[in-house]
Amino acid sequence: MFRLSVLLTTICSGILLSCGSSKKTVQPASSGDIIITSTEVHSTGTGANRAYDSIQVKYAVYLHTTPEQVQNLRLYRFIDKWLYTPYKWGGDDKQGIDCSAFMKRLLSEVYQIQIPRTSIQQFFDGWIERYKSDRYLSEGDLVFFQTIGENAVSHVGLYLGNHMFVNASSSKGVCIASLEDPYWKPKFVAAGRIKRQLATN
């Protein structure tokens, strides 16, 4: 009887383990692109059987987080439309765009907020509240960098979360990078948060 009980327990455990909900598997390819290998993904905890948008799955990999944390689909669809667009100083379209033009387009199309054209204007204009510590960063804050000589600010990106930001880089075009990257970390100057009255207009 004891042996039969152990056998039944083992069989039932095997059945339960083999019946997990299906998940979309996402892996970075060697090229840095994202490969999505199935057609649906489900939550395994609260809200099981919830299907995630492919954008959530794709950008969860970039942000080193879970799909449910990628909530602002309007933002990520905009980024996805521009991802890998080449950098062009003074550019403002899919043929080539620079960092400040990309931020201007992003804030206009995603948040309906109009900002100045250049990164230095964006930094010093009165439409943002500037702060130094990266501890207070939240999605939608601008991040400013000093990448050229004595210029106070010469580059700008938009913070996404988990130390990651999107920008139009002179070396990679529109891409997602980390504030912890050895290139970006020492060049970080400050962040800027859009003032509440502008965000609600």
Protein backbone atom coordinates (compact mmCIF):
# COMPACT_ATOMS: atom_id res chain seq x y z
CA MET A 1 0.00 0.00 0.00
CA PHE A 2 2.81 2.37 0.86
CA ARG A 3 4.50 1.73 -2.51
CA LEU A 4 1.22 2.34 -4.37
CA SER A 5 0.75 5.65 -2.52
CA VAL A 6 4.27 6.80 -3.43
CA LEU A 7 3.74 5.78 -7.07
CA LEU A 8 0.46 7.72 -7.32
CA THR A 9 2.04 10.79 -5.73
CA THR A 10 4.93 10.70 -8.22
CA ILE A 11 2.59 10.36 -11.23
CA CYS A 12 0.35 13.24 -10.06
CA SER A 13 3.37 15.49 -9.45
CA GLY A 14 4.64 14.77 -12.94
CA ILE A 15 1.28 15.67 -14.47
CA LEU A 16 1.08 18.94 -12.55
CA LEU A 17 4.62 19.96 -13.52
CA SER A 18 3.98 19.24 -17.19
CA CYS A 19 0.82 21.36 -17.38
CA GLY A 20 2.21 24.84 -16.83
CA SER A 21 0.76 27.65 -18.91
CA SER A 22 2.46 28.33 -22.23
CA LYS A 23 4.84 31.27 -22.45
CA LYS A 24 6.39 33.27 -25.21
CA THR A 25 10.13 32.72 -25.08
CA VAL A 26 12.28 35.69 -25.93
CA GLN A 27 16.02 35.56 -26.41
CA PRO A 28 18.55 38.14 -27.52
CA ALA A 29 20.20 36.99 -30.75
CA SER A 30 23.93 37.40 -31.24
CA SER A 31 23.17 40.50 -33.31
CA GLY A 32 21.38 42.12 -30.36
CA ASP A 33 17.97 41.73 -32.03
CA ILE A 34 15.10 40.12 -30.17
CA ILE A 35 13.73 36.75 -31.27
CA ILE A 36 10.17 35.85 -30.24
CA THR A 37 9.61 32.13 -30.62
CA SER A 38 5.90 31.59 -29.99
CA THR A 39 2.61 33.36 -30.46
CA GLU A 40 1.28 33.88 -26.95
CA VAL A 41 2.38 34.43 -23.40
CA HIS A 42 0.50 34.00 -20.14
CA SER A 43 0.96 35.16 -16.61
CA THR A 44 1.63 32.33 -14.16
CA GLY A 45 0.64 34.15 -10.99
CA THR A 46 -2.21 36.55 -10.37
CA GLY A 47 -4.24 37.00 -13.52
CA ALA A 48 -3.22 33.69 -15.08
CA ASN A 49 -4.08 33.24 -18.77
CA ARG A 50 -3.58 36.94 -19.48
CA ALA A 51 -2.08 37.40 -22.95
CA TYR A 52 0.68 39.99 -23.29
CA ASP A 53 1.21 42.22 -26.28
CA SER A 54 4.29 41.29 -28.32
CA ILE A 55 5.62 44.81 -27.63
CA GLN A 56 5.49 44.09 -23.88
CA VAL A 57 7.39 40.85 -24.34
CA LYS A 58 10.01 42.39 -26.63
CA TYR A 59 10.78 45.41 -24.44
CA ALA A 60 10.70 43.40 -21.21
CA VAL A 61 13.87 41.78 -22.54
CA TYR A 62 15.50 45.16 -23.23
CA LEU A 63 14.55 46.42 -19.77
CA HIS A 64 15.45 43.19 -17.94
CA THR A 65 11.98 42.98 -16.43
CA THR A 66 8.67 41.17 -16.89
CA PRO A 67 6.10 41.92 -19.63
CA GLU A 68 3.53 43.12 -17.11
CA GLN A 69 5.91 45.93 -16.11
CA VAL A 70 5.84 47.31 -19.67
CA GLN A 71 2.59 49.26 -19.44
CA ASN A 72 2.92 52.33 -21.66
CA LEU A 73 2.20 50.68 -25.02
CA ARG A 74 1.89 54.04 -26.78
CA LEU A 75 5.47 54.86 -25.78
CA TYR A 76 6.90 51.48 -26.72
CA ARG A 77 5.10 51.36 -30.06
CA PHE A 78 6.64 54.73 -30.87
CA ILE A 79 10.08 53.47 -29.88
CA ASP A 80 9.58 50.30 -31.91
CA LYS A 81 8.70 52.34 -34.99
CA TRP A 82 11.97 54.30 -34.70
CA LEU A 83 14.30 51.61 -33.32
CA TYR A 84 17.57 51.34 -35.29
CA THR A 85 16.87 54.53 -37.26
CA PRO A 86 20.37 55.84 -38.10
CA TYR A 87 21.79 58.90 -36.37
CA LYS A 88 22.13 62.08 -38.39
CA TRP A 89 23.19 65.37 -36.84
CA GLY A 90 20.39 67.85 -37.54
CA GLY A 91 18.20 65.04 -38.91
CA ASP A 92 14.52 64.78 -38.11
CA ASP A 93 13.12 61.80 -40.06
CA LYS A 94 13.50 58.06 -40.68
CA GLN A 95 16.49 58.71 -42.95
CA GLY A 96 18.39 59.96 -39.91
CA ILE A 97 17.64 61.73 -36.63
CA ASP A 98 19.63 63.25 -33.80
CA CYS A 99 19.02 62.90 -30.07
CA SER A 100 17.14 66.11 -29.42
CA ALA A 101 14.94 65.80 -32.51
CA PHE A 102 14.06 62.26 -31.42
CA MET A 103 13.08 63.54 -27.95
CA LYS A 104 11.06 66.36 -29.48
CA ARG A 105 9.16 63.91 -31.71
CA LEU A 106 8.66 61.38 -28.91
CA LEU A 107 7.24 63.88 -26.41
CA SER A 108 5.01 65.42 -29.07
CA GLU A 109 3.59 62.16 -30.42
CA VAL A 110 3.39 60.14 -27.20
CA TYR A 111 2.62 62.83 -24.60
CA GLN A 112 1.40 65.76 -26.76
CA ILE A 113 4.02 68.02 -25.18
CA GLN A 114 6.00 70.51 -27.26
CA ILE A 115 9.62 71.12 -26.27
CA PRO A 116 12.55 73.12 -27.70
CA ARG A 117 14.67 71.63 -30.50
CA THR A 118 18.18 71.25 -29.06
CA SER A 119 19.38 69.33 -26.00
CA ILE A 120 20.85 72.46 -24.40
CA GLN A 121 17.53 74.32 -24.83
CA GLN A 122 15.67 71.32 -23.49
CA PHE A 123 17.90 71.27 -20.42
CA PHE A 124 17.83 74.96 -19.53
CA ASP A 125 14.27 75.82 -20.55
CA GLY A 126 11.74 76.29 -17.76
CA TRP A 127 9.46 73.44 -18.85
CA ILE A 128 11.29 70.80 -16.76
CA GLU A 129 12.31 70.39 -13.15
CA ARG A 130 15.95 69.31 -13.07
CA TYR A 131 17.43 66.99 -10.49
CA LYS A 132 20.79 65.26 -10.14
CA SER A 133 20.22 61.97 -8.35
CA ASP A 134 19.25 59.02 -10.53
CA ARG A 135 17.46 57.51 -7.50
CA TYR A 136 14.33 59.48 -8.34
CA LEU A 137 14.09 58.58 -12.02
CA SER A 138 10.78 57.40 -13.39
CA GLU A 139 9.49 56.55 -16.86
CA GLY A 140 9.22 59.63 -19.07
CA ASP A 141 11.97 61.67 -17.39
CA LEU A 142 14.63 63.09 -19.69
CA VAL A 143 18.25 62.18 -18.99
CA PHE A 144 21.00 64.59 -20.03
CA PHE A 145 24.66 63.90 -20.74
CA GLN A 146 27.85 65.80 -21.41
CA THR A 147 29.48 64.00 -24.33
CA ILE A 148 31.30 66.82 -26.13
CA GLY A 149 34.06 68.97 -24.67
CA GLU A 150 33.04 71.81 -22.40
CA ASN A 151 29.37 71.84 -23.35
CA ALA A 152 27.19 71.66 -20.22
CA VAL A 153 24.83 69.28 -22.04
CA SER A 154 25.22 67.73 -25.48
CA HIS A 155 23.02 64.61 -25.44
CA VAL A 156 19.54 63.67 -24.24
CA GLY A 157 17.50 60.50 -23.86
CA LEU A 158 14.26 59.36 -22.22
CA TYR A 159 14.28 57.17 -19.12
CA LEU A 160 12.29 53.93 -19.37
CA GLY A 161 12.99 52.11 -16.11
CA ASN A 162 15.45 49.73 -14.49
CA HIS A 163 18.38 52.06 -15.37
CA MET A 164 17.52 51.85 -19.10
CA PHE A 165 16.85 54.76 -21.46
CA VAL A 166 16.10 55.27 -25.15
CA ASN A 167 18.13 57.70 -27.23
CA ALA A 168 19.44 58.44 -30.69
CA SER A 169 23.11 57.59 -30.33
CA SER A 170 25.71 58.83 -32.80
CA SER A 171 27.21 55.33 -32.95
CA LYS A 172 24.09 53.13 -32.94
CA GLY A 173 21.18 55.33 -33.98
CA VAL A 174 17.93 54.94 -32.04
CA CYS A 175 18.61 52.33 -29.38
CA ILE A 176 18.12 51.43 -25.74
CA ALA A 177 21.10 51.82 -23.42
CA SER A 178 21.90 51.56 -19.72
CA LEU A 179 22.79 54.42 -17.41
CA GLU A 180 25.20 51.96 -15.80
CA ASP A 181 27.12 51.49 -19.03
CA PRO A 182 30.77 52.57 -18.60
CA TYR A 183 30.36 55.03 -21.46
CA TRP A 184 27.20 56.72 -20.20
CA LYS A 185 27.61 56.63 -16.42
CA PRO A 186 30.41 59.24 -16.11
CA LYS A 187 28.73 61.47 -18.68
CA PHE A 188 25.37 61.71 -16.89
CA VAL A 189 24.68 65.32 -15.90
CA ALA A 190 21.11 65.38 -14.57
CA ALA A 191 17.54 64.37 -15.24
CA GLY A 192 14.55 66.51 -16.04
CA ARG A 193 10.91 65.90 -15.20
CA ILE A 194 8.17 67.63 -17.13
CA LYS A 195 6.34 70.08 -14.91
CA ARG A 196 2.89 68.87 -13.91
CA GLN A 197 0.97 71.73 -15.51
CA LEU A 198 2.57 70.99 -18.88
CA ALA A 199 2.00 67.25 -18.54
CA THR A 200 -1.74 67.78 -18.01
CA ASN A 201 -2.27 70.31 -20.84
